Amino acid sequence: MTPHPDPENRAGLAAGWAAHRHRDVSGGWLRPTVFGAVDGLVTNAALIAGVGGGGVAPHTIVLTGLAGLVAGAFSMGAGEYVSVTNQNELVHAEVALEAEMHARYPQQEHEELVDRFVSYGADTDTARRMAEAIARDPDQALRLHTREELGVDPQDLPSALLAGGASFVAFSLGALLPLLPYLFGASTLVASLVLTAIALLAGGMTVGKLTGRPLLHSGLRQLVLGALAVAVTYGIGQLIGAPVA
């Protein structure tokens, strides 16, 4: 027989359970923020390295970087807003279809819910009682059917405005970092690339902290991927920008 924990252990277990927290997995703000910041950093660092590798003047690099920042931020923000809006509209359309099915075929929808509970391990009688209890609240029944069939909660959809705004701001901040040395008077790529490398490492480690992955592994992975993009565009800049003999 498994011994029961003493009162002190039970209190500790209860406190541990009450204190546990889940990470945000809904994608409402975390995904566009992380992708926006990393995309802005890598995109503008690669853009600056490309034109810098072509031997252009620092003023041209600043102009190119600022143009890339503004264009990219609006593109990311608008794209994220439209993407989330379209996804939410699709969910609402499917919810409306499910509501119509409930109105036209209530018994079939009821049996579908019973079968769902049975598939989770409940016996038929228990599953039927559960379905009948839920059916007393039509709104709750529709919400549960939608969650089970679509895998989303129609009452907890991500905000398109929040996602678009987060993406816009995050891309802008990420894209600004490689430009900072030039804005403060630097005339070579070295300072910009060093700052970019530090930001990539720190950004990857931050993502690792949020997702529970090893910090150093996440940071180095982001650094390597960003460095690859910068190296390729720098090589293209040198190849195309170098004068032909």
Protein backbone atom coordinates (compact mmCIF):
# COMPACT_ATOMS: atom_id res chain seq x y z
CA MET A 1 0.00 0.00 0.00
CA THR A 2 1.29 3.45 -0.90
CA PRO A 3 1.80 5.50 2.29
CA HIS A 4 -0.06 8.76 2.58
CA PRO A 5 2.16 11.86 2.78
CA ASP A 6 2.27 13.52 6.16
CA PRO A 7 0.49 16.88 6.61
CA GLU A 8 3.70 18.84 6.09
CA ASN A 9 4.42 17.08 2.80
CA ARG A 10 0.84 17.53 1.67
CA ALA A 11 1.10 21.23 2.39
CA GLY A 12 4.32 21.41 0.39
CA LEU A 13 2.77 19.55 -2.54
CA ALA A 14 -0.27 21.82 -2.47
CA ALA A 15 1.93 24.92 -2.41
CA GLY A 16 3.98 23.62 -5.31
CA TRP A 17 0.87 22.86 -7.34
CA ALA A 18 -0.64 26.29 -6.62
CA ALA A 19 2.60 28.07 -7.58
CA HIS A 20 3.10 26.36 -10.94
CA ARG A 21 2.71 28.55 -14.01
CA HIS A 22 2.45 27.70 -17.69
CA ARG A 23 4.18 29.65 -20.42
CA ASP A 24 2.16 31.56 -23.01
CA VAL A 25 1.60 29.11 -25.88
CA SER A 26 -1.33 30.88 -27.53
CA GLY A 27 0.87 32.94 -29.84
CA GLY A 28 -1.00 36.14 -29.07
CA TRP A 29 2.09 38.25 -28.39
CA LEU A 30 5.12 36.01 -27.85
CA ARG A 31 5.45 34.65 -31.38
CA PRO A 32 5.19 37.96 -33.27
CA THR A 33 7.46 39.68 -30.73
CA VAL A 34 10.19 37.04 -30.90
CA PHE A 35 10.00 36.62 -34.67
CA GLY A 36 9.76 40.37 -35.21
CA ALA A 37 12.83 41.18 -33.13
CA VAL A 38 14.96 38.39 -34.57
CA ASP A 39 13.79 39.12 -38.11
CA GLY A 40 14.53 42.83 -37.74
CA LEU A 41 17.98 42.15 -36.32
CA VAL A 42 19.01 39.56 -38.91
CA THR A 43 17.40 41.35 -41.87
CA ASN A 44 18.97 44.72 -41.23
CA ALA A 45 22.33 43.32 -40.14
CA ALA A 46 22.49 41.32 -43.36
CA LEU A 47 21.34 44.33 -45.40
CA ILE A 48 23.96 46.58 -43.82
CA ALA A 49 26.65 43.92 -44.28
CA GLY A 50 25.66 43.52 -47.92
CA VAL A 51 25.91 47.19 -48.83
CA GLY A 52 28.90 47.63 -46.53
CA GLY A 53 30.65 44.78 -48.29
CA GLY A 54 30.09 46.64 -51.55
CA GLY A 55 32.26 49.50 -50.26
CA VAL A 56 29.58 52.23 -50.08
CA ALA A 57 29.89 55.29 -47.87
CA PRO A 58 28.64 55.20 -44.22
CA HIS A 59 25.90 57.69 -45.10
CA THR A 60 24.56 55.29 -47.73
CA ILE A 61 24.64 52.46 -45.19
CA VAL A 62 22.60 54.55 -42.72
CA LEU A 63 20.08 55.46 -45.42
CA THR A 64 19.80 51.83 -46.52
CA GLY A 65 19.44 50.62 -42.93
CA LEU A 66 16.75 53.15 -42.08
CA ALA A 67 14.83 52.31 -45.24
CA GLY A 68 15.08 48.62 -44.40
CA LEU A 69 13.88 49.29 -40.85
CA VAL A 70 10.80 51.27 -41.90
CA ALA A 71 9.86 49.01 -44.80
CA GLY A 72 10.39 45.84 -42.82
CA ALA A 73 8.50 47.07 -39.75
CA PHE A 74 5.44 48.02 -41.76
CA SER A 75 5.62 44.78 -43.74
CA MET A 76 5.93 42.63 -40.61
CA GLY A 77 3.25 44.54 -38.68
CA ALA A 78 0.76 44.55 -41.53
CA GLY A 79 1.47 40.94 -42.42
CA GLU A 80 0.99 39.76 -38.86
CA TYR A 81 -2.21 41.79 -38.47
CA VAL A 82 -3.70 40.42 -41.68
CA SER A 83 -2.61 36.87 -40.87
CA VAL A 84 -4.19 36.84 -37.41
CA THR A 85 -7.31 38.64 -38.68
CA ASN A 86 -7.81 36.07 -41.44
CA GLN A 87 -7.27 33.22 -39.00
CA ASN A 88 -9.81 34.66 -36.56
CA GLU A 89 -12.32 35.23 -39.35
CA LEU A 90 -11.91 31.61 -40.41
CA VAL A 91 -12.54 30.46 -36.84
CA HIS A 92 -15.67 32.63 -36.58
CA ALA A 93 -16.96 31.22 -39.86
CA GLU A 94 -16.44 27.67 -38.62
CA VAL A 95 -18.14 28.52 -35.32
CA ALA A 96 -21.13 29.83 -37.28
CA LEU A 97 -21.20 26.56 -39.24
CA GLU A 98 -21.07 24.56 -36.03
CA ALA A 99 -23.93 26.65 -34.58
CA GLU A 100 -25.98 25.88 -37.68
CA MET A 101 -25.28 22.16 -37.29
CA HIS A 102 -26.39 22.35 -33.65
CA ALA A 103 -29.65 23.99 -34.70
CA ARG A 104 -30.36 21.56 -37.56
CA TYR A 105 -29.00 18.30 -36.14
CA PRO A 106 -29.01 18.58 -32.32
CA GLN A 107 -29.21 14.83 -31.70
CA GLN A 108 -26.30 14.02 -34.02
CA GLU A 109 -24.17 16.72 -32.39
CA HIS A 110 -25.12 15.35 -28.97
CA GLU A 111 -24.09 11.82 -29.95
CA GLU A 112 -20.84 13.19 -31.38
CA LEU A 113 -20.02 14.70 -28.00
CA VAL A 114 -20.86 11.44 -26.23
CA ASP A 115 -18.50 9.59 -28.57
CA ARG A 116 -15.81 12.16 -27.85
CA PHE A 117 -16.06 11.59 -24.10
CA VAL A 118 -16.02 7.83 -24.63
CA SER A 119 -12.82 8.19 -26.66
CA TYR A 120 -11.27 9.93 -23.66
CA GLY A 121 -11.94 6.87 -21.51
CA ALA A 122 -15.37 7.49 -19.98
CA ASP A 123 -17.92 4.70 -20.02
CA THR A 124 -21.01 5.26 -22.17
CA ASP A 125 -23.36 6.12 -19.29
CA THR A 126 -20.94 8.63 -17.80
CA ALA A 127 -20.24 10.13 -21.21
CA ARG A 128 -23.95 10.52 -21.87
CA ARG A 129 -24.55 12.22 -18.52
CA MET A 130 -21.64 14.59 -19.15
CA ALA A 131 -22.97 15.47 -22.59
CA GLU A 132 -26.47 16.05 -21.19
CA ALA A 133 -25.08 18.34 -18.48
CA ILE A 134 -23.17 20.40 -21.03
CA ALA A 135 -26.16 20.55 -23.40
CA ARG A 136 -28.14 22.47 -20.76
CA ASP A 137 -26.02 25.50 -21.64
CA PRO A 138 -26.13 25.88 -25.46
CA ASP A 139 -23.33 28.46 -25.50
CA GLN A 140 -21.04 26.25 -23.47
CA ALA A 141 -21.94 23.25 -25.63
CA LEU A 142 -21.09 25.17 -28.80
CA ARG A 143 -17.82 26.36 -27.29
CA LEU A 144 -16.85 22.82 -26.28
CA HIS A 145 -17.75 21.37 -29.68
CA THR A 146 -15.68 24.06 -31.37
CA ARG A 147 -12.67 23.46 -29.13
CA GLU A 148 -12.85 19.73 -29.72
CA GLU A 149 -13.30 19.91 -33.49
CA LEU A 150 -11.17 22.95 -34.38
CA GLY A 151 -8.62 22.84 -31.58
CA VAL A 152 -9.19 26.51 -30.66
CA ASP A 153 -11.29 28.38 -28.14
CA PRO A 154 -13.49 30.90 -29.99
CA GLN A 155 -13.64 33.02 -26.84
CA ASP A 156 -9.86 33.18 -26.46
CA LEU A 157 -8.56 34.15 -29.89
CA PRO A 158 -5.37 36.21 -30.28
CA SER A 159 -5.74 39.94 -30.91
CA ALA A 160 -4.76 40.91 -34.45
CA LEU A 161 -3.98 44.45 -33.29
CA LEU A 162 -1.75 43.20 -30.49
CA ALA A 163 0.05 40.77 -32.77
CA GLY A 164 0.57 43.38 -35.50
CA GLY A 165 1.71 46.06 -33.06
CA ALA A 166 4.08 43.69 -31.26
CA SER A 167 5.60 42.61 -34.56
CA PHE A 168 5.99 46.22 -35.76
CA VAL A 169 7.70 47.43 -32.57
CA ALA A 170 9.86 44.34 -32.16
CA PHE A 171 11.09 44.45 -35.76
CA SER A 172 11.91 48.16 -35.42
CA LEU A 173 13.94 47.61 -32.25
CA GLY A 174 15.76 44.62 -33.70
CA ALA A 175 16.54 46.43 -36.96
CA LEU A 176 17.79 49.49 -35.09
CA LEU A 177 20.59 47.67 -33.27
CA PRO A 178 22.92 47.09 -36.28
CA LEU A 179 22.46 50.77 -37.20
CA LEU A 180 23.42 52.21 -33.82
CA PRO A 181 27.21 52.24 -34.35
CA TYR A 182 26.78 54.16 -37.63
CA LEU A 183 24.36 56.61 -36.00
CA PHE A 184 27.05 57.31 -33.39
CA GLY A 185 29.76 57.91 -35.98
CA ALA A 186 31.24 54.49 -36.78
CA SER A 187 32.62 54.12 -40.29
CA THR A 188 33.28 50.37 -40.47
CA LEU A 189 31.20 47.22 -40.17
CA VAL A 190 33.13 45.84 -37.19
CA ALA A 191 31.18 47.57 -34.43
CA SER A 192 27.86 46.82 -36.09
CA LEU A 193 28.67 43.14 -36.52
CA VAL A 194 29.92 42.77 -32.94
CA LEU A 195 26.77 44.39 -31.58
CA THR A 196 24.65 42.18 -33.83
CA ALA A 197 26.44 39.04 -32.63
CA ILE A 198 25.88 39.98 -28.98
CA ALA A 199 22.21 40.73 -29.65
CA LEU A 200 21.72 37.44 -31.52
CA LEU A 201 23.27 35.49 -28.67
CA ALA A 202 21.25 37.34 -26.05
CA GLY A 203 18.04 37.06 -28.09
CA GLY A 204 18.48 33.33 -28.57
CA MET A 205 19.13 32.84 -24.87
CA THR A 206 16.02 34.88 -24.05
CA VAL A 207 13.95 32.64 -26.29
CA GLY A 208 15.51 29.63 -24.56
CA LYS A 209 14.48 31.05 -21.20
CA LEU A 210 10.89 31.56 -22.39
CA THR A 211 10.60 28.11 -23.95
CA GLY A 212 12.51 26.16 -21.31
CA ARG A 213 15.31 25.14 -23.68
CA PRO A 214 19.04 25.20 -22.75
CA LEU A 215 20.12 28.84 -22.81
CA LEU A 216 23.54 28.41 -24.41
CA HIS A 217 22.23 26.06 -27.07
CA SER A 218 19.42 28.47 -28.01
CA GLY A 219 21.79 31.43 -28.06
CA LEU A 220 24.44 29.73 -30.19
CA ARG A 221 21.83 28.40 -32.61
CA GLN A 222 20.47 31.91 -33.18
CA LEU A 223 24.00 33.31 -33.51
CA VAL A 224 25.02 30.73 -36.13
CA LEU A 225 21.88 31.22 -38.23
CA GLY A 226 22.20 35.01 -38.12
CA ALA A 227 25.91 34.88 -38.89
CA LEU A 228 25.21 32.72 -41.93
CA ALA A 229 22.77 35.29 -43.35
CA VAL A 230 25.22 38.13 -42.70
CA ALA A 231 28.14 36.24 -44.26
CA VAL A 232 26.22 35.40 -47.42
CA THR A 233 24.99 38.96 -48.01
CA TYR A 234 28.44 40.39 -47.20
CA GLY A 235 29.96 38.07 -49.80
CA ILE A 236 27.38 39.10 -52.38
CA GLY A 237 28.07 42.76 -51.61
CA GLN A 238 31.79 42.31 -52.10
CA LEU A 239 31.27 40.35 -55.29
CA ILE A 240 28.87 42.79 -56.92
CA GLY A 241 30.21 45.98 -55.40
CA ALA A 242 33.86 45.36 -56.19
CA PRO A 243 35.02 47.12 -59.36
CA VAL A 244 35.47 44.86 -62.35
CA ALA A 245 39.07 44.81 -63.64
